[in-house]
PDB file of N, CA and C in Angstrom:
ATOM      1  N   MET A   1     182.775 142.441 358.507  1.00  0.00           N
ATOM      2  CA  MET A   1     183.380 141.142 358.770  1.00  0.00           C
ATOM      3  C   MET A   1     183.744 141.251 360.382  1.00  0.00           C
ATOM      4  N   SER A   2     183.910 139.887 360.085  1.00  0.00           N
ATOM      5  CA  SER A   2     184.371 139.525 362.142  1.00  0.00           C
ATOM      6  C   SER A   2     185.976 139.152 361.885  1.00  0.00           C
ATOM      7  N   LEU A   3     186.376 139.103 363.035  1.00  0.00           N
ATOM      8  CA  LEU A   3     187.660 139.124 362.889  1.00  0.00           C
ATOM      9  C   LEU A   3     188.623 138.125 362.727  1.00  0.00           C
ATOM     10  N   LEU A   4     188.143 136.804 362.280  1.00  0.00           N
ATOM     11  CA  LEU A   4     188.479 135.712 361.874  1.00  0.00           C
ATOM     12  C   LEU A   4     188.257 135.376 360.531  1.00  0.00           C
ATOM     13  N   LEU A   5     187.423 136.162 359.992  1.00  0.00           N
ATOM     14  CA  LEU A   5     186.680 135.942 358.812  1.00  0.00           C
ATOM     15  C   LEU A   5     187.045 137.074 357.746  1.00  0.00           C
ATOM     16  N   ASN A   6     187.705 136.849 356.614  1.00  0.00           N
ATOM     17  CA  ASN A   6     187.457 138.359 356.267  1.00  0.00           C
ATOM     18  C   ASN A   6     186.263 138.316 355.076  1.00  0.00           C
ATOM     19  N   HIS A   7     186.965 138.074 353.653  1.00  0.00           N
ATOM     20  CA  HIS A   7     186.382 137.650 352.705  1.00  0.00           C
ATOM     21  C   HIS A   7     186.025 136.238 352.337  1.00  0.00           C
ATOM     22  N   TYR A   8     184.849 136.031 351.622  1.00  0.00           N
ATOM     23  CA  TYR A   8     184.414 134.805 351.205  1.00  0.00           C
ATOM     24  C   TYR A   8     183.285 134.779 349.894  1.00  0.00           C
ATOM     25  N   CYS A   9     183.587 134.428 349.215  1.00  0.00           N
ATOM     26  CA  CYS A   9     182.542 133.851 347.948  1.00  0.00           C
ATOM     27  C   CYS A   9     182.598 132.553 347.611  1.00  0.00           C
ATOM     28  N   PHE A  10     181.551 132.040 347.151  1.00  0.00           N
ATOM     29  CA  PHE A  10     180.286 130.930 346.195  1.00  0.00           C
ATOM     30  C   PHE A  10     181.021 131.217 344.755  1.00  0.00           C
ATOM     31  N   ASP A  11     181.440 129.870 344.015  1.00  0.00           N
ATOM     32  CA  ASP A  11     181.614 130.018 342.741  1.00  0.00           C
ATOM     33  C   ASP A  11     180.585 128.847 342.360  1.00  0.00           C
ATOM     34  N   CYS A  12     179.853 128.590 341.077  1.00  0.00           N
ATOM     35  CA  CYS A  12     179.259 127.519 340.924  1.00  0.00           C
ATOM     36  C   CYS A  12     180.304 126.988 339.798  1.00  0.00           C
ATOM     37  N   VAL A  13     180.973 125.719 340.090  1.00  0.00           N
ATOM     38  CA  VAL A  13     181.534 125.162 339.260  1.00  0.00           C
ATOM     39  C   VAL A  13     181.166 123.616 338.719  1.00  0.00           C
ATOM     40  N   GLY A  14     180.041 123.399 338.662  1.00  0.00           N
ATOM     41  CA  GLY A  14     179.217 122.310 337.706  1.00  0.00           C
ATOM     42  C   GLY A  14     177.933 122.337 338.604  1.00  0.00           C
ATOM     43  N   ASN A  15     177.240 121.089 337.826  1.00  0.00           N
ATOM     44  CA  ASN A  15     175.535 121.381 338.016  1.00  0.00           C
ATOM     45  C   ASN A  15     174.975 121.403 339.552  1.00  0.00           C
ATOM     46  N   SER A  16     176.208 121.147 340.196  1.00  0.00           N
ATOM     47  CA  SER A  16     175.518 121.168 341.755  1.00  0.00           C
ATOM     48  C   SER A  16     176.685 121.407 342.799  1.00  0.00           C
ATOM     49  N   ALA A  17     177.800 121.349 342.315  1.00  0.00           N
ATOM     50  CA  ALA A  17     179.504 121.527 342.802  1.00  0.00           C
ATOM     51  C   ALA A  17     179.150 123.552 342.738  1.00  0.00           C
ATOM     52  N   PHE A  18     180.218 123.250 344.285  1.00  0.00           N
ATOM     53  CA  PHE A  18     180.651 124.916 344.524  1.00  0.00           C
ATOM     54  C   PHE A  18     181.744 125.107 345.073  1.00  0.00           C
ATOM     55  N   ALA A  19     182.462 126.195 344.463  1.00  0.00           N
ATOM     56  CA  ALA A  19     183.805 126.075 345.317  1.00  0.00           C
ATOM     57  C   ALA A  19     183.637 127.463 346.314  1.00  0.00           C
ATOM     58  N   VAL A  20     184.051 127.318 347.453  1.00  0.00           N
ATOM     59  CA  VAL A  20     183.988 128.425 348.469  1.00  0.00           C
ATOM     60  C   VAL A  20     185.395 128.606 348.905  1.00  0.00           C
ATOM     61  N   THR A  21     185.132 129.866 348.528  1.00  0.00           N
ATOM     62  CA  THR A  21     186.784 130.661 348.599  1.00  0.00           C
ATOM     63  C   THR A  21     186.678 131.656 349.657  1.00  0.00           C
ATOM     64  N   PHE A  22     187.600 131.497 350.925  1.00  0.00           N
ATOM     65  CA  PHE A  22     187.514 132.636 351.951  1.00  0.00           C
ATOM     66  C   PHE A  22     189.032 133.091 352.103  1.00  0.00           C
ATOM     67  N   SER A  23     188.929 134.097 353.044  1.00  0.00           N
ATOM     68  CA  SER A  23     190.402 134.009 353.535  1.00  0.00           C
ATOM     69  C   SER A  23     190.251 134.435 354.840  1.00  0.00           C
ATOM     70  N   ILE A  24     191.455 133.808 355.953  1.00  0.00           N
ATOM     71  CA  ILE A  24     191.233 133.940 357.482  1.00  0.00           C
ATOM     72  C   ILE A  24     192.741 134.123 357.780  1.00  0.00           C
ATOM     73  N   PRO A  25     193.070 135.000 359.272  1.00  0.00           N
ATOM     74  CA  PRO A  25     194.246 135.302 359.296  1.00  0.00           C
ATOM     75  C   PRO A  25     194.925 133.986 359.385  1.00  0.00           C
ATOM     76  N   ASN A  26     196.445 134.291 358.797  1.00  0.00           N
ATOM     77  CA  ASN A  26     197.548 133.802 358.588  1.00  0.00           C
ATOM     78  C   ASN A  26     198.011 132.602 360.194  1.00  0.00           C
ATOM     79  N   ASN A  27     197.412 132.826 361.218  1.00  0.00           N
ATOM     80  CA  ASN A  27     197.697 132.135 362.447  1.00  0.00           C
ATOM     81  C   ASN A  27     196.335 131.652 363.027  1.00  0.00           C
ATOM     82  N   CYS A  28     195.412 131.379 362.198  1.00  0.00           N
ATOM     83  CA  CYS A  28     194.320 130.241 361.927  1.00  0.00           C
ATOM     84  C   CYS A  28     194.259 129.313 361.640  1.00  0.00           C
ATOM     85  N   SER A  29     193.904 128.184 361.537  1.00  0.00           N
ATOM     86  CA  SER A  29     193.770 127.180 361.305  1.00  0.00           C
ATOM     87  C   SER A  29     191.822 126.894 360.648  1.00  0.00           C
ATOM     88  N   TYR A  30     191.827 126.028 360.321  1.00  0.00           N
ATOM     89  CA  TYR A  30     189.988 125.842 359.851  1.00  0.00           C
ATOM     90  C   TYR A  30     189.908 124.249 359.599  1.00  0.00           C
ATOM     91  N   ALA A  31     188.670 123.905 359.599  1.00  0.00           N
ATOM     92  CA  ALA A  31     188.522 122.141 359.285  1.00  0.00           C
ATOM     93  C   ALA A  31     186.873 122.374 358.819  1.00  0.00           C
ATOM     94  N   THR A  32     186.789 121.288 358.147  1.00  0.00           N
ATOM     95  CA  THR A  32     185.625 121.245 357.558  1.00  0.00           C
ATOM     96  C   THR A  32     184.626 119.782 358.085  1.00  0.00           C
ATOM     97  N   SER A  33     183.064 120.224 358.179  1.00  0.00           N
ATOM     98  CA  SER A  33     182.526 119.173 358.506  1.00  0.00           C
ATOM     99  C   SER A  33     181.432 119.102 357.740  1.00  0.00           C
ATOM    100  N   CYS A  34     180.810 118.008 358.015  1.00  0.00           N
ATOM    101  CA  CYS A  34     179.143 117.717 357.861  1.00  0.00           C
ATOM    102  C   CYS A  34     178.334 117.196 358.556  1.00  0.00           C
ATOM    103  N   VAL A  35     177.338 117.819 359.150  1.00  0.00           N
ATOM    104  CA  VAL A  35     176.444 117.091 359.889  1.00  0.00           C
ATOM    105  C   VAL A  35     174.757 117.628 359.638  1.00  0.00           C
ATOM    106  N   ALA A  36     174.267 116.429 359.198  1.00  0.00           N
ATOM    107  CA  ALA A  36     172.416 116.423 358.893  1.00  0.00           C
ATOM    108  C   ALA A  36     172.483 117.692 358.077  1.00  0.00           C
ATOM    109  N   LYS A  37     173.336 117.601 356.497  1.00  0.00           N
ATOM    110  CA  LYS A  37     173.123 118.298 355.446  1.00  0.00           C
ATOM    111  C   LYS A  37     173.702 119.512 355.588  1.00  0.00           C
ATOM    112  N   THR A  38     174.462 120.032 356.707  1.00  0.00           N
ATOM    113  CA  THR A  38     174.734 121.406 356.734  1.00  0.00           C
ATOM    114  C   THR A  38     176.217 121.260 356.809  1.00  0.00           C
ATOM    115  N   ASN A  39     176.991 121.854 355.787  1.00  0.00           N
ATOM    116  CA  ASN A  39     178.700 121.925 355.519  1.00  0.00           C
ATOM    117  C   ASN A  39     178.976 122.941 356.446  1.00  0.00           C
ATOM    118  N   PHE A  40     179.961 122.974 357.557  1.00  0.00           N
ATOM    119  CA  PHE A  40     180.496 123.606 358.507  1.00  0.00           C
ATOM    120  C   PHE A  40     182.007 124.105 358.339  1.00  0.00           C
ATOM    121  N   ILE A  41     182.895 125.346 357.928  1.00  0.00           N
ATOM    122  CA  ILE A  41     183.838 125.628 358.101  1.00  0.00           C
ATOM    123  C   ILE A  41     184.148 125.991 359.466  1.00  0.00           C
ATOM    124  N   THR A  42     184.813 125.527 360.540  1.00  0.00           N
ATOM    125  CA  THR A  42     185.157 125.972 361.623  1.00  0.00           C
ATOM    126  C   THR A  42     186.549 126.673 361.491  1.00  0.00           C
ATOM    127  N   ILE A  43     186.537 128.074 362.067  1.00  0.00           N
ATOM    128  CA  ILE A  43     188.014 128.775 361.786  1.00  0.00           C
ATOM    129  C   ILE A  43     188.222 128.985 363.560  1.00  0.00           C
ATOM    130  N   GLN A  44     189.653 128.887 363.631  1.00  0.00           N
ATOM    131  CA  GLN A  44     189.920 129.115 365.607  1.00  0.00           C
ATOM    132  C   GLN A  44     191.182 129.803 365.101  1.00  0.00           C
ATOM    133  N   LEU A  45     191.685 130.278 366.346  1.00  0.00           N
ATOM    134  CA  LEU A  45     193.212 130.474 366.370  1.00  0.00           C
ATOM    135  C   LEU A  45     193.688 129.335 366.169  1.00  0.00           C
ATOM    136  N   GLN A  46     195.292 129.401 366.210  1.00  0.00           N
ATOM    137  CA  GLN A  46     196.183 128.089 366.397  1.00  0.00           C
ATOM    138  C   GLN A  46     196.794 127.912 367.846  1.00  0.00           C
ATOM    139  N   ALA A  47     197.141 126.936 367.790  1.00  0.00           N
ATOM    140  CA  ALA A  47     197.736 126.975 369.539  1.00  0.00           C
ATOM    141  C   ALA A  47     198.777 127.834 369.716  1.00  0.00           C
ATOM    142  N   GLY A  48     198.505 128.551 370.579  1.00  0.00           N
ATOM    143  CA  GLY A  48     199.534 129.333 371.414  1.00  0.00           C
ATOM    144  C   GLY A  48     199.314 130.884 370.645  1.00  0.00           C
ATOM    145  N   GLN A  49     198.434 130.866 369.993  1.00  0.00           N
ATOM    146  CA  GLN A  49     198.262 132.465 369.428  1.00  0.00           C
ATOM    147  C   GLN A  49     197.012 132.992 370.381  1.00  0.00           C
ATOM    148  N   THR A  50     196.808 134.090 370.460  1.00  0.00           N
ATOM    149  CA  THR A  50     195.852 135.214 371.299  1.00  0.00           C
ATOM    150  C   THR A  50     195.036 135.831 370.677  1.00  0.00           C
ATOM    151  N   LYS A  51     195.793 136.430 369.631  1.00  0.00           N
ATOM    152  CA  LYS A  51     195.249 137.575 368.897  1.00  0.00           C
ATOM    153  C   LYS A  51     195.310 137.459 367.266  1.00  0.00           C
ATOM    154  N   PRO A  52     193.824 137.281 366.658  1.00  0.00           N
ATOM    155  CA  PRO A  52     194.294 137.243 364.949  1.00  0.00           C
ATOM    156  C   PRO A  52     194.924 137.807 364.456  1.00  0.00           C
ATOM    157  N   SER A  53     195.841 137.804 363.822  1.00  0.00           N
ATOM    158  CA  SER A  53     196.810 138.292 362.561  1.00  0.00           C
ATOM    159  C   SER A  53     195.965 139.324 361.780  1.00  0.00           C
ATOM    160  N   LYS A  54     196.783 140.390 361.218  1.00  0.00           N
ATOM    161  CA  LYS A  54     195.966 141.143 360.435  1.00  0.00           C
ATOM    162  C   LYS A  54     196.577 140.410 358.684  1.00  0.00           C
ATOM    163  N   VAL A  55     197.018 139.874 358.366  1.00  0.00           N
ATOM    164  CA  VAL A  55     197.623 138.849 357.416  1.00  0.00           C
ATOM    165  C   VAL A  55     197.023 138.142 357.227  1.00  0.00           C
ATOM    166  N   PHE A  56     196.097 138.271 355.866  1.00  0.00           N
ATOM    167  CA  PHE A  56     195.001 137.120 355.931  1.00  0.00           C
ATOM    168  C   PHE A  56     195.332 136.241 354.791  1.00  0.00           C
ATOM    169  N   THR A  57     195.213 134.816 354.605  1.00  0.00           N
ATOM    170  CA  THR A  57     195.497 133.930 353.714  1.00  0.00           C
ATOM    171  C   THR A  57     194.125 133.223 352.833  1.00  0.00           C
ATOM    172  N   VAL A  58     194.152 132.849 351.654  1.00  0.00           N
ATOM    173  CA  VAL A  58     192.958 132.701 351.116  1.00  0.00           C
ATOM    174  C   VAL A  58     192.756 131.361 350.834  1.00  0.00           C
ATOM    175  N   PHE A  59     191.766 130.577 351.213  1.00  0.00           N
ATOM    176  CA  PHE A  59     191.468 129.007 350.650  1.00  0.00           C
ATOM    177  C   PHE A  59     190.492 129.163 350.228  1.00  0.00           C
ATOM    178  N   THR A  60     190.051 127.894 349.278  1.00  0.00           N
ATOM    179  CA  THR A  60     188.766 127.312 348.683  1.00  0.00           C
ATOM    180  C   THR A  60     189.050 125.771 348.729  1.00  0.00           C
ATOM    181  N   GLU A  61     187.618 125.680 349.394  1.00  0.00           N
ATOM    182  CA  GLU A  61     187.186 124.081 349.337  1.00  0.00           C
ATOM    183  C   GLU A  61     185.701 123.799 348.665  1.00  0.00           C
ATOM    184  N   GLN A  62     185.707 122.547 348.186  1.00  0.00           N
ATOM    185  CA  GLN A  62     184.917 122.143 347.249  1.00  0.00           C
ATOM    186  C   GLN A  62     183.452 121.560 347.970  1.00  0.00           C
ATOM    187  N   PHE A  63     182.341 121.565 347.336  1.00  0.00           N
ATOM    188  CA  PHE A  63     180.938 121.630 348.600  1.00  0.00           C
ATOM    189  C   PHE A  63     180.294 121.131 347.231  1.00  0.00           C
ATOM    190  N   THR A  64     179.426 120.212 347.471  1.00  0.00           N
ATOM    191  CA  THR A  64     177.829 119.774 346.770  1.00  0.00           C
ATOM    192  C   THR A  64     176.906 119.382 347.330  1.00  0.00           C
ATOM    193  N   ALA A  65     176.002 119.903 346.792  1.00  0.00           N
ATOM    194  CA  ALA A  65     174.611 120.435 346.993  1.00  0.00           C
ATOM    195  C   ALA A  65     174.195 119.126 347.334  1.00  0.00           C
ATOM    196  N   ASP A  66     173.269 119.044 348.347  1.00  0.00           N
ATOM    197  CA  ASP A  66     172.825 117.404 348.596  1.00  0.00           C
ATOM    198  C   ASP A  66     171.864 117.076 347.182  1.00  0.00           C
ATOM    199  N   PRO A  67     171.857 115.969 347.133  1.00  0.00           N
ATOM    200  CA  PRO A  67     171.184 115.676 345.864  1.00  0.00           C
ATOM    201  C   PRO A  67     169.561 115.261 346.063  1.00  0.00           C
ATOM    202  N   ILE A  68     169.267 115.164 347.388  1.00  0.00           N
ATOM    203  CA  ILE A  68     167.938 114.834 347.523  1.00  0.00           C
ATOM    204  C   ILE A  68     167.016 115.869 347.307  1.00  0.00           C
ATOM    205  N   ASP A  69     167.323 116.932 348.036  1.00  0.00           N
ATOM    206  CA  ASP A  69     166.465 118.064 348.164  1.00  0.00           C
ATOM    207  C   ASP A  69     167.251 119.569 347.279  1.00  0.00           C
ATOM    208  N   ASN A  70     168.631 119.179 346.822  1.00  0.00           N
ATOM    209  CA  ASN A  70     168.984 120.422 345.764  1.00  0.00           C
ATOM    210  C   ASN A  70     169.493 121.056 346.558  1.00  0.00           C
ATOM    211  N   THR A  71     170.081 121.420 348.015  1.00  0.00           N
ATOM    212  CA  THR A  71     170.759 122.726 348.436  1.00  0.00           C
ATOM    213  C   THR A  71     171.708 122.333 348.904  1.00  0.00           C
ATOM    214  N   LEU A  72     172.568 123.571 349.025  1.00  0.00           N
ATOM    215  CA  LEU A  72     173.423 123.523 349.494  1.00  0.00           C
ATOM    216  C   LEU A  72     173.611 124.659 351.214  1.00  0.00           C
ATOM    217  N   ASP A  73     173.807 123.884 352.025  1.00  0.00           N
ATOM    218  CA  ASP A  73     173.744 124.498 353.225  1.00  0.00           C
ATOM    219  C   ASP A  73     175.225 124.517 353.892  1.00  0.00           C
ATOM    220  N   VAL A  74     176.186 125.630 353.932  1.00  0.00           N
ATOM    221  CA  VAL A  74     177.329 126.297 354.555  1.00  0.00           C
ATOM    222  C   VAL A  74     177.662 127.142 355.574  1.00  0.00           C
ATOM    223  N   GLN A  75     177.368 126.454 356.880  1.00  0.00           N
ATOM    224  CA  GLN A  75     177.670 127.566 357.941  1.00  0.00           C
ATOM    225  C   GLN A  75     179.280 127.810 358.246  1.00  0.00           C
ATOM    226  N   PHE A  76     179.809 129.215 358.478  1.00  0.00           N
ATOM    227  CA  PHE A  76     180.653 129.303 359.083  1.00  0.00           C
ATOM    228  C   PHE A  76     180.886 129.490 360.601  1.00  0.00           C
ATOM    229  N   VAL A  77     181.723 128.851 361.481  1.00  0.00           N
ATOM    230  CA  VAL A  77     181.971 128.751 362.935  1.00  0.00           C
ATOM    231  C   VAL A  77     182.764 129.210 362.934  1.00  0.00           C
ATOM    232  N   GLN A  78     182.806 130.340 363.898  1.00  0.00           N
ATOM    233  CA  GLN A  78     184.237 131.502 364.279  1.00  0.00           C
ATOM    234  C   GLN A  78     184.326 131.331 365.806  1.00  0.00           C
ATOM    235  N   ILE A  79     185.254 130.871 366.255  1.00  0.00           N
ATOM    236  CA  ILE A  79     185.662 130.536 367.612  1.00  0.00           C
ATOM    237  C   ILE A  79     186.865 131.396 367.889  1.00  0.00           C
ATOM    238  N   TYR A  80     186.346 132.386 368.638  1.00  0.00           N
ATOM    239  CA  TYR A  80     187.273 133.449 369.368  1.00  0.00           C
ATOM    240  C   TYR A  80     186.592 134.201 369.955  1.00  0.00           C
ATOM    241  N   ALA A  81     186.955 134.566 371.336  1.00  0.00           N
ATOM    242  CA  ALA A  81     186.368 135.333 372.280  1.00  0.00           C
ATOM    243  C   ALA A  81     184.390 134.816 372.351  1.00  0.00           C
ATOM    244  N   GLY A  82     184.384 133.422 372.379  1.00  0.00           N
ATOM    245  CA  GLY A  82     183.090 132.982 372.216  1.00  0.00           C
ATOM    246  C   GLY A  82     182.734 132.067 371.002  1.00  0.00           C
ATOM    247  N   THR A  83     181.772 131.676 370.259  1.00  0.00           N
ATOM    248  CA  THR A  83     181.494 131.348 369.493  1.00  0.00           C
ATOM    249  C   THR A  83     180.297 132.062 368.314  1.00  0.00           C
ATOM    250  N   THR A  84     180.661 132.178 366.950  1.00  0.00           N
ATOM    251  CA  THR A  84     179.733 132.679 366.493  1.00  0.00           C
ATOM    252  C   THR A  84     179.620 132.210 365.148  1.00  0.00           C
ATOM    253  N   THR A  85     178.369 131.570 364.821  1.00  0.00           N
ATOM    254  CA  THR A  85     178.067 130.620 363.395  1.00  0.00           C
ATOM    255  C   THR A  85     177.587 131.724 362.524  1.00  0.00           C
ATOM    256  N   LYS A  86     178.365 132.647 361.696  1.00  0.00           N
ATOM    257  CA  LYS A  86     178.117 133.540 360.865  1.00  0.00           C
ATOM    258  C   LYS A  86     178.723 133.536 359.697  1.00  0.00           C
ATOM    259  N   PRO A  87     178.966 134.225 358.533  1.00  0.00           N
ATOM    260  CA  PRO A  87     177.501 134.021 357.879  1.00  0.00           C
ATOM    261  C   PRO A  87     176.932 132.833 358.019  1.00  0.00           C
ATOM    262  N   LYS A  88     175.769 132.245 357.547  1.00  0.00           N
ATOM    263  CA  LYS A  88     175.282 131.248 357.204  1.00  0.00           C
ATOM    264  C   LYS A  88     174.471 131.476 355.584  1.00  0.00           C
ATOM    265  N   ILE A  89     175.117 130.386 354.588  1.00  0.00           N
ATOM    266  CA  ILE A  89     174.639 130.589 353.031  1.00  0.00           C
ATOM    267  C   ILE A  89     173.588 129.145 352.826  1.00  0.00           C
ATOM    268  N   LYS A  90     172.565 129.745 352.292  1.00  0.00           N
ATOM    269  CA  LYS A  90     171.807 128.453 351.669  1.00  0.00           C
ATOM    270  C   LYS A  90     171.555 128.434 350.703  1.00  0.00           C
ATOM    271  N   ILE A  91     172.107 127.612 349.507  1.00  0.00           N
ATOM    272  CA  ILE A  91     171.938 127.788 348.363  1.00  0.00           C
ATOM    273  C   ILE A  91     170.852 126.546 347.597  1.00  0.00           C
ATOM    274  N   ASP A  92     169.421 127.751 347.514  1.00  0.00           N
ATOM    275  CA  ASP A  92     168.686 126.481 346.296  1.00  0.00           C
ATOM    276  C   ASP A  92     168.986 126.180 344.937  1.00  0.00           C
ATOM    277  N   LEU A  93     168.756 124.902 344.038  1.00  0.00           N
ATOM    278  CA  LEU A  93     168.830 125.023 342.935  1.00  0.00           C
ATOM    279  C   LEU A  93     167.457 124.668 342.251  1.00  0.00           C
TER     280      LEU A  93
END
């Protein structure tokens, strides 16, 4: 794993609904966005922080597969010493 994303998992919670659970350092924040059917979870250090903590906090976000093509596309964007877009997960229903 990277310095900003520790563990992650996807759970089906409905016909096309999924819960994404992930852990990030407790001195990081994250935001979600959706662009052109791709859901992004962007993780970065909080203002004033210079190094990721070794203590991780668990978060869960809910996503729904696109009703037209029955896919869920989620990408983790990690901003630390550059930008990495990994992992990239695509679920076809």
